[in-house]
Amino acid sequence: MAQKPIGMGKRRTTTKLNPMTVIESTAELNVPVEKVYAFLADLSNHKQLMPENIYNWSATEDEASFTIQNMAKLAIKISNRIENKELTAIPTEKPPFDVELKWTVADNGKGGTIAKHIISADLNMMMKMLAAGPLQKLADHQTKALSGAF
């Protein structure tokens, strides 16, 4: 009986090993959902939510572009709107990694709003080590700034 050479046999298929990295930050505001949604729905308002390391900010209601100090230039556009519930923005130019920025808003049952900022990024292991911390800081900064915007 002939032996199979080592390494022969079942074919290996490669599967994607890095699931999306999801970063979330939540804020509760004593402001009605409609008012928070209206603010977030206009990307020109988002400059107020950005940390100090963001510069060259330019925005319209639907698109924004900016530079992240020591990192990259990013341009985004609103890709999906569900009135008084959700906004999604995606890059308009090829970023260093695929990313989606989402805001959800919901009534907190007391006339206020629970706003959640969700950043989903396709990061390999090395990028995750480098970018996950700064992305979490960004999400936290933005939800805190949103609370202060009203």
N, C-alpha and C. Protein backbone atom coordinates (compact mmCIF):
# COMPACT_ATOMS: atom_id res chain seq x y z
N MET A 1 0.85 -1.18 0.00
CA MET A 1 0.00 0.00 0.00
C MET A 1 0.89 1.24 0.00
N ALA A 2 0.66 2.14 -0.93
CA ALA A 2 1.49 3.35 -1.05
C ALA A 2 1.08 4.37 -0.01
N GLN A 3 2.08 5.03 0.54
CA GLN A 3 1.81 6.07 1.52
C GLN A 3 1.63 7.40 0.81
N LYS A 4 0.74 8.23 1.36
CA LYS A 4 0.55 9.58 0.81
C LYS A 4 1.75 10.42 1.20
N PRO A 5 2.27 11.21 0.30
CA PRO A 5 3.35 12.12 0.68
C PRO A 5 2.83 13.10 1.74
N ILE A 6 3.72 13.50 2.62
CA ILE A 6 3.34 14.46 3.66
C ILE A 6 2.92 15.76 2.99
N GLY A 7 1.86 16.35 3.52
CA GLY A 7 1.39 17.63 2.99
C GLY A 7 0.31 17.46 1.93
N MET A 8 0.08 16.25 1.51
CA MET A 8 -0.97 16.02 0.52
C MET A 8 -2.22 15.60 1.27
N GLY A 9 -3.32 15.71 0.64
CA GLY A 9 -4.56 15.29 1.28
C GLY A 9 -5.59 16.38 1.17
N LYS A 10 -6.24 16.67 2.27
CA LYS A 10 -7.32 17.66 2.26
C LYS A 10 -6.80 19.04 1.86
N ARG A 11 -7.57 19.69 1.00
CA ARG A 11 -7.23 21.06 0.64
C ARG A 11 -7.64 21.98 1.76
N ARG A 12 -6.80 22.92 2.04
CA ARG A 12 -7.16 23.91 3.05
C ARG A 12 -7.77 25.11 2.35
N THR A 13 -8.87 25.58 2.88
CA THR A 13 -9.45 26.81 2.35
C THR A 13 -9.19 27.90 3.37
N THR A 14 -8.91 29.06 2.86
CA THR A 14 -8.66 30.15 3.80
C THR A 14 -9.98 30.83 4.12
N THR A 15 -10.16 31.09 5.36
CA THR A 15 -11.36 31.82 5.79
C THR A 15 -10.89 33.11 6.44
N LYS A 16 -11.76 34.06 6.45
CA LYS A 16 -11.41 35.34 7.04
C LYS A 16 -11.38 35.16 8.56
N LEU A 17 -10.22 35.39 9.14
CA LEU A 17 -10.07 35.17 10.57
C LEU A 17 -10.37 36.40 11.40
N ASN A 18 -10.36 37.61 10.78
CA ASN A 18 -10.60 38.80 11.58
C ASN A 18 -12.03 39.28 11.39
N PRO A 19 -12.87 39.01 12.37
CA PRO A 19 -14.21 39.59 12.29
C PRO A 19 -14.10 41.10 12.51
N MET A 20 -15.12 41.83 12.15
CA MET A 20 -15.10 43.28 12.33
C MET A 20 -14.88 43.60 13.81
N THR A 21 -14.07 44.62 14.04
CA THR A 21 -13.87 45.13 15.39
C THR A 21 -14.98 46.15 15.62
N VAL A 22 -15.76 45.98 16.66
CA VAL A 22 -16.88 46.88 16.94
C VAL A 22 -16.59 47.64 18.23
N ILE A 23 -16.61 48.95 18.12
CA ILE A 23 -16.33 49.83 19.25
C ILE A 23 -17.58 50.65 19.50
N GLU A 24 -18.04 50.68 20.75
CA GLU A 24 -19.28 51.38 21.08
C GLU A 24 -19.07 52.33 22.24
N SER A 25 -19.85 53.40 22.20
CA SER A 25 -19.89 54.34 23.31
C SER A 25 -21.31 54.90 23.38
N THR A 26 -21.83 55.03 24.58
CA THR A 26 -23.23 55.45 24.76
C THR A 26 -23.31 56.66 25.66
N ALA A 27 -24.28 57.53 25.35
CA ALA A 27 -24.56 58.70 26.20
C ALA A 27 -26.07 58.81 26.37
N GLU A 28 -26.46 59.27 27.54
CA GLU A 28 -27.87 59.54 27.79
C GLU A 28 -28.04 61.04 27.93
N LEU A 29 -28.97 61.59 27.16
CA LEU A 29 -29.19 63.04 27.14
C LEU A 29 -30.63 63.35 27.54
N ASN A 30 -30.81 64.46 28.22
CA ASN A 30 -32.16 64.91 28.58
C ASN A 30 -32.72 65.81 27.48
N VAL A 31 -32.67 65.30 26.27
CA VAL A 31 -33.11 66.03 25.09
C VAL A 31 -33.92 65.04 24.25
N PRO A 32 -35.03 65.50 23.64
CA PRO A 32 -35.85 64.59 22.83
C PRO A 32 -35.07 63.98 21.65
N VAL A 33 -35.44 62.76 21.29
CA VAL A 33 -34.80 62.02 20.21
C VAL A 33 -34.74 62.86 18.93
N GLU A 34 -35.84 63.53 18.59
CA GLU A 34 -35.90 64.29 17.34
C GLU A 34 -34.82 65.36 17.28
N LYS A 35 -34.57 66.00 18.41
CA LYS A 35 -33.56 67.08 18.45
C LYS A 35 -32.15 66.50 18.31
N VAL A 36 -31.87 65.39 18.98
CA VAL A 36 -30.55 64.75 18.89
C VAL A 36 -30.33 64.23 17.47
N TYR A 37 -31.35 63.59 16.91
CA TYR A 37 -31.24 63.06 15.54
C TYR A 37 -30.98 64.20 14.56
N ALA A 38 -31.72 65.29 14.68
CA ALA A 38 -31.55 66.43 13.76
C ALA A 38 -30.12 66.97 13.83
N PHE A 39 -29.55 67.04 15.02
CA PHE A 39 -28.17 67.49 15.19
C PHE A 39 -27.21 66.53 14.50
N LEU A 40 -27.35 65.24 14.76
CA LEU A 40 -26.44 64.24 14.20
C LEU A 40 -26.62 64.07 12.69
N ALA A 41 -27.82 64.31 12.18
CA ALA A 41 -28.11 64.10 10.76
C ALA A 41 -27.37 65.09 9.86
N ASP A 42 -26.87 66.18 10.42
CA ASP A 42 -26.12 67.19 9.66
C ASP A 42 -24.64 67.05 10.01
N LEU A 43 -23.85 66.50 9.08
CA LEU A 43 -22.43 66.25 9.38
C LEU A 43 -21.66 67.53 9.71
N SER A 44 -22.14 68.69 9.28
CA SER A 44 -21.42 69.93 9.63
C SER A 44 -21.45 70.18 11.14
N ASN A 45 -22.42 69.61 11.85
CA ASN A 45 -22.47 69.73 13.31
C ASN A 45 -21.42 68.86 14.01
N HIS A 46 -20.91 67.86 13.32
CA HIS A 46 -20.00 66.90 13.95
C HIS A 46 -18.64 67.49 14.31
N LYS A 47 -18.31 68.65 13.76
CA LYS A 47 -17.04 69.30 14.14
C LYS A 47 -17.02 69.53 15.65
N GLN A 48 -18.19 69.85 16.23
CA GLN A 48 -18.29 70.07 17.67
C GLN A 48 -17.99 68.80 18.48
N LEU A 49 -18.05 67.66 17.83
CA LEU A 49 -17.86 66.37 18.52
C LEU A 49 -16.43 65.84 18.38
N MET A 50 -15.62 66.53 17.59
CA MET A 50 -14.29 66.02 17.28
C MET A 50 -13.24 66.43 18.32
N PRO A 51 -12.29 65.54 18.58
CA PRO A 51 -11.19 65.86 19.49
C PRO A 51 -10.21 66.84 18.84
N GLU A 52 -9.27 67.33 19.63
CA GLU A 52 -8.31 68.34 19.18
C GLU A 52 -7.39 67.85 18.07
N ASN A 53 -7.17 66.54 17.95
CA ASN A 53 -6.24 66.04 16.93
C ASN A 53 -6.87 65.93 15.55
N ILE A 54 -8.08 66.47 15.39
CA ILE A 54 -8.75 66.52 14.09
C ILE A 54 -8.62 67.93 13.56
N TYR A 55 -8.13 68.07 12.31
CA TYR A 55 -8.03 69.39 11.71
C TYR A 55 -8.36 69.32 10.23
N ASN A 56 -8.30 70.46 9.54
CA ASN A 56 -8.72 70.56 8.14
C ASN A 56 -10.16 70.07 7.95
N TRP A 57 -11.02 70.41 8.91
CA TRP A 57 -12.42 69.97 8.88
C TRP A 57 -13.18 70.72 7.79
N SER A 58 -13.91 69.99 7.00
CA SER A 58 -14.77 70.56 5.97
C SER A 58 -16.00 69.68 5.90
N ALA A 59 -17.21 70.28 5.91
CA ALA A 59 -18.40 69.43 5.92
C ALA A 59 -19.61 70.13 5.31
N THR A 60 -20.50 69.28 4.81
CA THR A 60 -21.83 69.69 4.39
C THR A 60 -22.79 68.84 5.22
N GLU A 61 -24.05 68.89 4.91
CA GLU A 61 -25.00 68.07 5.65
C GLU A 61 -24.72 66.58 5.47
N ASP A 62 -24.30 66.19 4.24
CA ASP A 62 -24.14 64.77 3.91
C ASP A 62 -22.72 64.24 3.86
N GLU A 63 -21.71 65.13 3.80
CA GLU A 63 -20.33 64.69 3.66
C GLU A 63 -19.41 65.50 4.57
N ALA A 64 -18.31 64.86 4.97
CA ALA A 64 -17.29 65.55 5.78
C ALA A 64 -15.93 65.00 5.40
N SER A 65 -14.93 65.87 5.49
CA SER A 65 -13.55 65.42 5.30
C SER A 65 -12.70 66.10 6.36
N PHE A 66 -11.69 65.39 6.82
CA PHE A 66 -10.84 65.90 7.89
C PHE A 66 -9.55 65.11 7.93
N THR A 67 -8.60 65.65 8.66
CA THR A 67 -7.32 64.97 8.84
C THR A 67 -7.17 64.62 10.30
N ILE A 68 -6.73 63.39 10.55
CA ILE A 68 -6.44 62.95 11.91
C ILE A 68 -4.93 63.11 12.08
N GLN A 69 -4.55 63.94 13.04
CA GLN A 69 -3.14 64.26 13.25
C GLN A 69 -2.29 62.99 13.34
N ASN A 70 -1.18 62.98 12.63
CA ASN A 70 -0.23 61.87 12.61
C ASN A 70 -0.83 60.55 12.09
N MET A 71 -1.97 60.62 11.45
CA MET A 71 -2.57 59.37 10.96
C MET A 71 -2.96 59.48 9.49
N ALA A 72 -4.16 59.96 9.21
CA ALA A 72 -4.64 59.92 7.83
C ALA A 72 -5.69 60.99 7.58
N LYS A 73 -5.94 61.21 6.31
CA LYS A 73 -7.04 62.07 5.89
C LYS A 73 -8.22 61.15 5.64
N LEU A 74 -9.39 61.57 6.06
CA LEU A 74 -10.58 60.74 5.91
C LEU A 74 -11.72 61.57 5.35
N ALA A 75 -12.46 61.00 4.42
CA ALA A 75 -13.65 61.64 3.86
C ALA A 75 -14.80 60.64 4.03
N ILE A 76 -15.91 61.12 4.58
CA ILE A 76 -17.06 60.24 4.83
C ILE A 76 -18.33 60.86 4.25
N LYS A 77 -19.31 60.00 4.05
CA LYS A 77 -20.62 60.48 3.62
C LYS A 77 -21.69 59.64 4.31
N ILE A 78 -22.86 60.25 4.49
CA ILE A 78 -23.99 59.52 5.06
C ILE A 78 -24.45 58.51 4.01
N SER A 79 -24.51 57.24 4.39
CA SER A 79 -24.92 56.20 3.46
C SER A 79 -26.33 55.70 3.77
N ASN A 80 -26.80 55.96 4.99
CA ASN A 80 -28.12 55.46 5.38
C ASN A 80 -28.69 56.34 6.48
N ARG A 81 -29.96 56.68 6.34
CA ARG A 81 -30.67 57.45 7.37
C ARG A 81 -31.99 56.75 7.67
N ILE A 82 -32.26 56.54 8.94
CA ILE A 82 -33.58 56.09 9.39
C ILE A 82 -34.01 57.16 10.38
N GLU A 83 -34.96 58.00 9.96
CA GLU A 83 -35.30 59.19 10.74
C GLU A 83 -35.60 58.87 12.21
N ASN A 84 -34.95 59.65 13.07
CA ASN A 84 -35.09 59.55 14.53
C ASN A 84 -34.68 58.19 15.10
N LYS A 85 -33.86 57.44 14.33
CA LYS A 85 -33.38 56.15 14.82
C LYS A 85 -31.89 55.93 14.57
N GLU A 86 -31.45 56.14 13.32
CA GLU A 86 -30.10 55.70 12.97
C GLU A 86 -29.51 56.49 11.80
N LEU A 87 -28.20 56.71 11.88
CA LEU A 87 -27.42 57.33 10.80
C LEU A 87 -26.17 56.50 10.59
N THR A 88 -25.82 56.26 9.34
CA THR A 88 -24.60 55.51 9.04
C THR A 88 -23.76 56.31 8.06
N ALA A 89 -22.47 56.38 8.34
CA ALA A 89 -21.53 57.06 7.45
C ALA A 89 -20.43 56.08 7.06
N ILE A 90 -20.01 56.18 5.79
CA ILE A 90 -18.93 55.35 5.28
C ILE A 90 -17.92 56.23 4.55
N PRO A 91 -16.69 55.75 4.39
CA PRO A 91 -15.68 56.54 3.66
C PRO A 91 -16.06 56.72 2.19
N THR A 92 -15.71 57.88 1.64
CA THR A 92 -15.94 58.12 0.21
C THR A 92 -14.67 57.82 -0.59
N GLU A 93 -13.54 57.76 0.09
CA GLU A 93 -12.28 57.40 -0.54
C GLU A 93 -11.76 56.17 0.18
N LYS A 94 -10.85 55.43 -0.45
CA LYS A 94 -10.34 54.20 0.17
C LYS A 94 -9.55 54.52 1.43
N PRO A 95 -10.04 54.11 2.60
CA PRO A 95 -9.33 54.33 3.85
C PRO A 95 -8.27 53.25 4.07
N PRO A 96 -7.43 53.42 5.11
CA PRO A 96 -6.43 52.38 5.42
C PRO A 96 -7.09 51.03 5.77
N PHE A 97 -8.34 51.07 6.23
CA PHE A 97 -9.10 49.86 6.52
C PHE A 97 -10.58 50.20 6.36
N ASP A 98 -11.40 49.19 6.08
CA ASP A 98 -12.83 49.42 5.93
C ASP A 98 -13.41 49.81 7.28
N VAL A 99 -14.26 50.83 7.26
CA VAL A 99 -14.83 51.33 8.50
C VAL A 99 -16.25 51.84 8.24
N GLU A 100 -17.09 51.69 9.25
CA GLU A 100 -18.45 52.22 9.20
C GLU A 100 -18.69 52.94 10.52
N LEU A 101 -19.23 54.14 10.43
CA LEU A 101 -19.53 54.95 11.62
C LEU A 101 -21.05 55.05 11.73
N LYS A 102 -21.59 54.64 12.85
CA LYS A 102 -23.04 54.63 13.00
C LYS A 102 -23.43 55.30 14.32
N TRP A 103 -24.50 56.07 14.25
CA TRP A 103 -25.14 56.63 15.45
C TRP A 103 -26.55 56.06 15.51
N THR A 104 -26.94 55.57 16.69
CA THR A 104 -28.33 55.19 16.90
C THR A 104 -28.88 56.05 18.02
N VAL A 105 -30.15 56.41 17.91
CA VAL A 105 -30.81 57.18 18.96
C VAL A 105 -32.13 56.50 19.30
N ALA A 106 -32.45 56.50 20.58
CA ALA A 106 -33.69 55.88 21.04
C ALA A 106 -34.21 56.64 22.24
N ASP A 107 -35.51 56.66 22.39
CA ASP A 107 -36.14 57.31 23.54
C ASP A 107 -35.79 56.53 24.80
N ASN A 108 -35.45 57.24 25.86
CA ASN A 108 -35.08 56.56 27.12
C ASN A 108 -36.29 56.32 28.02
N GLY A 109 -37.49 56.64 27.54
CA GLY A 109 -38.70 56.42 28.32
C GLY A 109 -39.02 57.57 29.25
N LYS A 110 -38.15 58.59 29.31
CA LYS A 110 -38.36 59.74 30.20
C LYS A 110 -38.29 61.04 29.41
N GLY A 111 -38.51 60.96 28.10
CA GLY A 111 -38.46 62.15 27.26
C GLY A 111 -37.06 62.51 26.80
N GLY A 112 -36.08 61.72 27.19
CA GLY A 112 -34.69 61.96 26.78
C GLY A 112 -34.26 60.95 25.73
N THR A 113 -32.97 60.92 25.47
CA THR A 113 -32.43 60.09 24.39
C THR A 113 -31.23 59.28 24.86
N ILE A 114 -31.18 58.04 24.41
CA ILE A 114 -29.97 57.24 24.54
C ILE A 114 -29.33 57.24 23.16
N ALA A 115 -28.14 57.82 23.08
CA ALA A 115 -27.41 57.89 21.82
C ALA A 115 -26.23 56.94 21.90
N LYS A 116 -26.07 56.13 20.87
CA LYS A 116 -24.96 55.18 20.84
C LYS A 116 -24.15 55.42 19.57
N HIS A 117 -22.84 55.51 19.74
CA HIS A 117 -21.92 55.66 18.61
C HIS A 117 -21.22 54.32 18.44
N ILE A 118 -21.32 53.77 17.23
CA ILE A 118 -20.76 52.45 16.94
C ILE A 118 -19.79 52.58 15.77
N ILE A 119 -18.55 52.20 16.00
CA ILE A 119 -17.55 52.20 14.94
C ILE A 119 -17.22 50.74 14.64
N SER A 120 -17.46 50.32 13.40
CA SER A 120 -17.13 48.97 12.97
C SER A 120 -15.97 49.07 12.00
N ALA A 121 -14.88 48.39 12.30
CA ALA A 121 -13.68 48.48 11.48
C ALA A 121 -13.14 47.10 11.17
N ASP A 122 -12.69 46.92 9.95
CA ASP A 122 -12.10 45.65 9.53
C ASP A 122 -10.59 45.74 9.77
N LEU A 123 -10.18 45.32 10.94
CA LEU A 123 -8.78 45.45 11.35
C LEU A 123 -8.10 44.09 11.45
N ASN A 124 -6.92 43.98 10.85
CA ASN A 124 -6.15 42.77 11.07
C ASN A 124 -5.53 42.86 12.47
N MET A 125 -4.86 41.82 12.89
CA MET A 125 -4.34 41.78 14.26
C MET A 125 -3.43 42.97 14.58
N MET A 126 -2.54 43.31 13.66
CA MET A 126 -1.61 44.42 13.88
C MET A 126 -2.35 45.75 13.95
N MET A 127 -3.27 45.97 13.01
CA MET A 127 -4.03 47.22 13.00
C MET A 127 -4.91 47.33 14.24
N LYS A 128 -5.45 46.20 14.69
CA LYS A 128 -6.29 46.21 15.88
C LYS A 128 -5.47 46.67 17.09
N MET A 129 -4.24 46.19 17.18
CA MET A 129 -3.37 46.60 18.30
C MET A 129 -3.10 48.11 18.23
N LEU A 130 -2.94 48.64 17.03
CA LEU A 130 -2.61 50.05 16.86
C LEU A 130 -3.82 50.97 16.92
N ALA A 131 -4.94 50.53 16.35
CA ALA A 131 -6.06 51.44 16.14
C ALA A 131 -7.22 51.29 17.12
N ALA A 132 -7.40 50.14 17.75
CA ALA A 132 -8.57 49.94 18.60
C ALA A 132 -8.64 50.95 19.74
N GLY A 133 -7.52 51.21 20.40
CA GLY A 133 -7.50 52.18 21.51
C GLY A 133 -7.88 53.58 21.05
N PRO A 134 -7.23 54.12 20.01
CA PRO A 134 -7.61 55.44 19.51
C PRO A 134 -9.06 55.51 19.01
N LEU A 135 -9.56 54.45 18.40
CA LEU A 135 -10.95 54.47 17.94
C LEU A 135 -11.92 54.49 19.13
N GLN A 136 -11.59 53.76 20.20
CA GLN A 136 -12.43 53.79 21.40
C GLN A 136 -12.40 55.19 22.02
N LYS A 137 -11.22 55.80 22.08
CA LYS A 137 -11.11 57.17 22.60
C LYS A 137 -11.95 58.14 21.78
N LEU A 138 -11.92 57.96 20.46
CA LEU A 138 -12.70 58.83 19.58
C LEU A 138 -14.19 58.66 19.86
N ALA A 139 -14.67 57.42 19.93
CA ALA A 139 -16.09 57.17 20.19
C ALA A 139 -16.50 57.76 21.55
N ASP A 140 -15.68 57.54 22.57
CA ASP A 140 -15.98 58.08 23.90
C ASP A 140 -15.99 59.61 23.90
N HIS A 141 -15.02 60.20 23.21
CA HIS A 141 -14.94 61.66 23.12
C HIS A 141 -16.20 62.21 22.45
N GLN A 142 -16.63 61.57 21.37
CA GLN A 142 -17.77 62.06 20.62
C GLN A 142 -19.08 61.95 21.41
N THR A 143 -19.28 60.86 22.14
CA THR A 143 -20.52 60.75 22.92
C THR A 143 -20.51 61.75 24.07
N LYS A 144 -19.35 61.97 24.68
CA LYS A 144 -19.25 62.96 25.76
C LYS A 144 -19.50 64.37 25.21
N ALA A 145 -18.91 64.67 24.03
CA ALA A 145 -19.11 65.97 23.41
C ALA A 145 -20.57 66.17 23.00
N LEU A 146 -21.24 65.09 22.57
CA LEU A 146 -22.65 65.17 22.21
C LEU A 146 -23.47 65.59 23.42
N SER A 147 -23.15 65.03 24.57
CA SER A 147 -23.85 65.40 25.80
C SER A 147 -23.68 66.90 26.10
N GLY A 148 -22.49 67.43 25.81
CA GLY A 148 -22.22 68.83 26.06
C GLY A 148 -22.74 69.77 24.99
N ALA A 149 -23.18 69.22 23.85
CA ALA A 149 -23.64 70.06 22.74
C ALA A 149 -25.04 70.63 22.97
N PHE A 150 -25.73 70.12 23.98
CA PHE A 150 -27.11 70.59 24.21
C PHE A 150 -27.18 71.36 25.48
